[in-house]
Protein backbone atom coordinates (compact mmCIF):
# COMPACT_ATOMS: atom_id res chain seq x y z
CA MET A 1 0.32 -2.37 -27.66
CA VAL A 2 1.02 0.66 -25.80
CA MET A 3 -1.56 0.06 -23.30
CA GLU A 4 -0.83 -3.79 -22.85
CA ILE A 5 2.38 -2.68 -21.01
CA PHE A 6 0.21 -0.71 -18.48
CA SER A 7 -2.65 -3.03 -18.17
CA GLU A 8 -1.82 -4.37 -14.57
CA LEU A 9 -1.43 -0.70 -13.45
CA ASN A 10 -4.66 0.46 -15.07
CA PHE A 11 -6.17 -2.48 -13.37
CA CYS A 12 -5.60 -0.98 -10.03
CA LYS A 13 -8.39 1.36 -8.77
CA TYR A 14 -5.81 3.54 -6.62
CA VAL A 15 -2.00 3.94 -6.57
CA TYR A 16 0.43 5.86 -4.35
CA LEU A 17 3.65 7.29 -5.66
CA ARG A 18 6.30 5.87 -3.34
CA GLU A 19 9.61 6.74 -5.09
CA VAL A 20 10.79 9.04 -7.95
CA SER A 21 14.72 8.48 -8.95
CA GLU A 22 16.94 8.92 -11.52
CA PRO A 23 18.96 5.49 -11.33
CA GLY A 24 21.31 6.52 -14.39
CA ASN A 25 21.96 9.19 -16.64
CA LYS A 26 18.86 10.64 -18.11
CA GLN A 27 16.76 7.61 -16.84
CA LEU A 28 13.76 7.65 -14.63
CA ARG A 29 12.25 5.21 -12.23
CA LEU A 30 8.95 5.45 -10.53
CA VAL A 31 7.80 3.14 -7.77
CA LEU A 32 4.06 2.99 -7.38
CA GLU A 33 2.04 0.91 -4.74
CA GLU A 34 -1.41 -0.11 -5.00
CA ALA A 35 -4.07 1.26 -2.40
CA THR A 36 -7.24 -0.14 -1.29
CA PRO A 37 -9.82 0.96 1.18
CA ALA A 38 -9.28 0.14 4.59
CA ARG A 39 -11.59 -2.04 6.42
CA LYS A 40 -12.14 0.25 9.30
CA LEU A 41 -14.88 2.80 9.00
CA GLU A 42 -14.08 6.50 10.17
CA THR A 43 -15.69 9.45 10.97
CA VAL A 44 -14.04 13.04 10.11
CA VAL A 45 -15.36 16.44 11.02
CA VAL A 46 -14.32 19.29 8.72
CA GLU A 47 -15.38 23.03 9.42
CA GLY A 48 -18.20 21.63 11.77
CA VAL A 49 -19.50 19.24 9.06
CA LYS A 50 -19.46 15.51 10.21
CA PHE A 51 -18.70 12.93 7.35
CA SER A 52 -19.35 9.30 8.82
CA ASP A 53 -18.71 5.89 7.41
CA LEU A 54 -15.56 6.80 5.42
CA ARG A 55 -12.81 4.58 4.63
CA ALA A 56 -9.21 5.73 4.38
CA LEU A 57 -7.18 4.63 1.12
CA GLU A 58 -4.06 2.41 2.22
CA SER A 59 -1.35 0.45 1.26
CA THR A 60 -0.17 -2.83 3.17
CA GLU A 61 2.48 -5.28 2.96
CA PHE A 62 0.04 -7.20 0.94
CA SER A 63 -0.42 -4.49 -1.82
CA ARG A 64 1.20 -4.80 -5.20
CA LEU A 65 4.23 -2.63 -5.98
CA PHE A 66 5.36 -1.63 -9.29
CA GLU A 67 8.45 -0.25 -10.94
CA VAL A 68 8.23 1.91 -13.96
CA THR A 69 11.48 2.80 -15.81
CA TRP A 70 12.45 4.82 -18.83
CA ASP A 71 15.73 4.37 -20.18
CA SER A 72 15.72 7.94 -21.48
CA TYR A 73 13.27 10.94 -21.05
CA ILE A 74 13.02 14.36 -22.45
CA ALA A 75 11.32 16.19 -19.43
CA TYR A 76 9.15 14.86 -16.56
CA THR A 77 7.17 16.89 -13.87
CA VAL A 78 5.58 15.66 -10.57
CA ARG A 79 2.50 17.75 -9.60
CA ASP A 80 0.38 17.86 -6.18
CA GLU A 81 -3.03 16.12 -7.39
CA SER A 82 -4.97 18.21 -5.15
CA VAL A 83 -3.92 21.52 -7.14
CA ALA A 84 -3.33 19.86 -10.51
CA ALA A 85 -5.13 21.54 -13.53
CA PHE A 86 -6.81 19.42 -16.06
CA GLU A 87 -8.14 21.02 -19.10
CA PRO A 88 -10.52 20.14 -21.76
CA TYR A 89 -7.73 20.70 -24.22
CA ASP A 90 -5.79 17.82 -22.69
CA VAL A 91 -6.99 14.47 -24.81
CA ILE A 92 -6.25 11.08 -23.15
CA GLU A 93 -6.01 8.57 -25.80
CA SER A 94 -6.21 5.57 -23.51
CA GLY A 95 -5.77 4.60 -19.85
CA ARG A 96 -6.92 5.58 -16.41
CA VAL A 97 -4.13 5.25 -13.93
CA VAL A 98 -1.29 5.43 -16.58
CA CYS A 99 -2.62 7.53 -19.41
CA VAL A 100 -1.46 8.22 -22.92
CA TYR A 101 -2.07 11.58 -24.07
CA SER A 102 -2.36 12.61 -27.89
CA THR A 103 -2.72 16.24 -27.10
CA SER A 104 -1.93 18.18 -23.90
CA ARG A 105 -0.45 21.50 -22.51
CA PHE A 106 2.72 19.37 -21.27
CA LEU A 107 3.37 18.26 -24.79
CA ASP A 108 3.02 21.76 -25.87
CA TYR A 109 5.29 23.05 -23.29
CA VAL A 110 7.87 20.37 -23.87
CA SER A 111 7.99 21.14 -27.71
CA LEU A 112 8.51 24.92 -26.79
CA ALA A 113 10.89 24.35 -24.02
CA THR A 114 13.29 21.85 -25.71
CA THR A 115 14.97 21.08 -28.92
CA ALA A 116 13.19 17.53 -28.95
CA GLU A 117 11.77 16.71 -32.28
CA ARG A 118 8.24 15.13 -32.56
CA PRO A 119 6.95 12.62 -32.23
CA PHE A 120 7.43 11.92 -28.53
CA ARG A 121 4.88 10.81 -26.16
CA HIS A 122 3.21 12.16 -23.04
CA ILE A 123 2.62 9.63 -20.46
CA GLY A 124 0.60 10.79 -17.34
CA VAL A 125 0.62 8.77 -14.12
CA HIS A 126 -2.30 9.62 -12.10
CA CYS A 127 -1.56 8.67 -8.48
CA LEU A 128 -3.23 9.36 -5.14
CA ASN A 129 -1.59 12.82 -4.04
CA HIS A 130 0.66 13.11 -7.26
CA ILE A 131 0.51 13.35 -11.03
CA VAL A 132 3.74 12.44 -12.97
CA ASP A 133 4.04 13.44 -16.56
CA VAL A 134 6.64 12.12 -18.59
CA ALA A 135 7.61 13.06 -22.24
CA SER A 136 9.77 10.52 -23.94
CA MET A 137 10.60 9.03 -27.21
CA GLY A 138 10.19 5.52 -26.02
CA LEU A 139 8.12 3.41 -23.81
CA PRO A 140 8.76 2.66 -20.09
CA VAL A 141 9.23 -0.96 -18.78
CA VAL A 142 6.98 -1.93 -16.09
CA ARG A 143 7.74 -4.67 -13.66
CA GLU A 144 5.78 -6.00 -10.61
CA LEU A 145 8.01 -5.87 -7.57
CA ARG A 146 5.59 -7.32 -5.33
CA GLN A 147 2.41 -9.35 -6.09
CA HIS A 148 -0.73 -9.14 -4.30
CA HIS A 149 -1.14 -11.45 -1.34
CA SER A 150 -4.15 -12.16 0.58
CA PRO A 151 -3.65 -11.33 4.29
CA HIS A 152 -5.10 -14.72 5.01
CA MET A 153 -3.25 -16.75 2.86
CA VAL A 154 -1.14 -19.72 4.50
CA VAL A 155 2.24 -19.95 3.01
């Protein structure tokens, strides 16, 4: 049941974190936008080495947009994805973009740094450029704010 609410997000190959906000007291809101490889091929030179036939990952006005909200949370963090540490100690129970952890350093930290009593959940949202870790007693609500539309669709 837990993963059913994340099924559409986990169907996405890539997502960007577009917004983090606290719309109310102890509430958390994330806005995530689906990304896909661009049509245009690019060439990039890094320290004298040429990489050809690359595609940037991009979102457009046709990309799906999701809102994930928690009515309450215990703690959350936002990490830069390029320097985030992933340890064998952390165990992902399920998910790919939105992951439910059964064991993690974040769960251990929240247990030590707060008076929150277990059981509580660690949900990790793995985005391009960001990792968001949320500890909460309850599950979030996921809404699709914008559905995928083909750029060639006639309305």
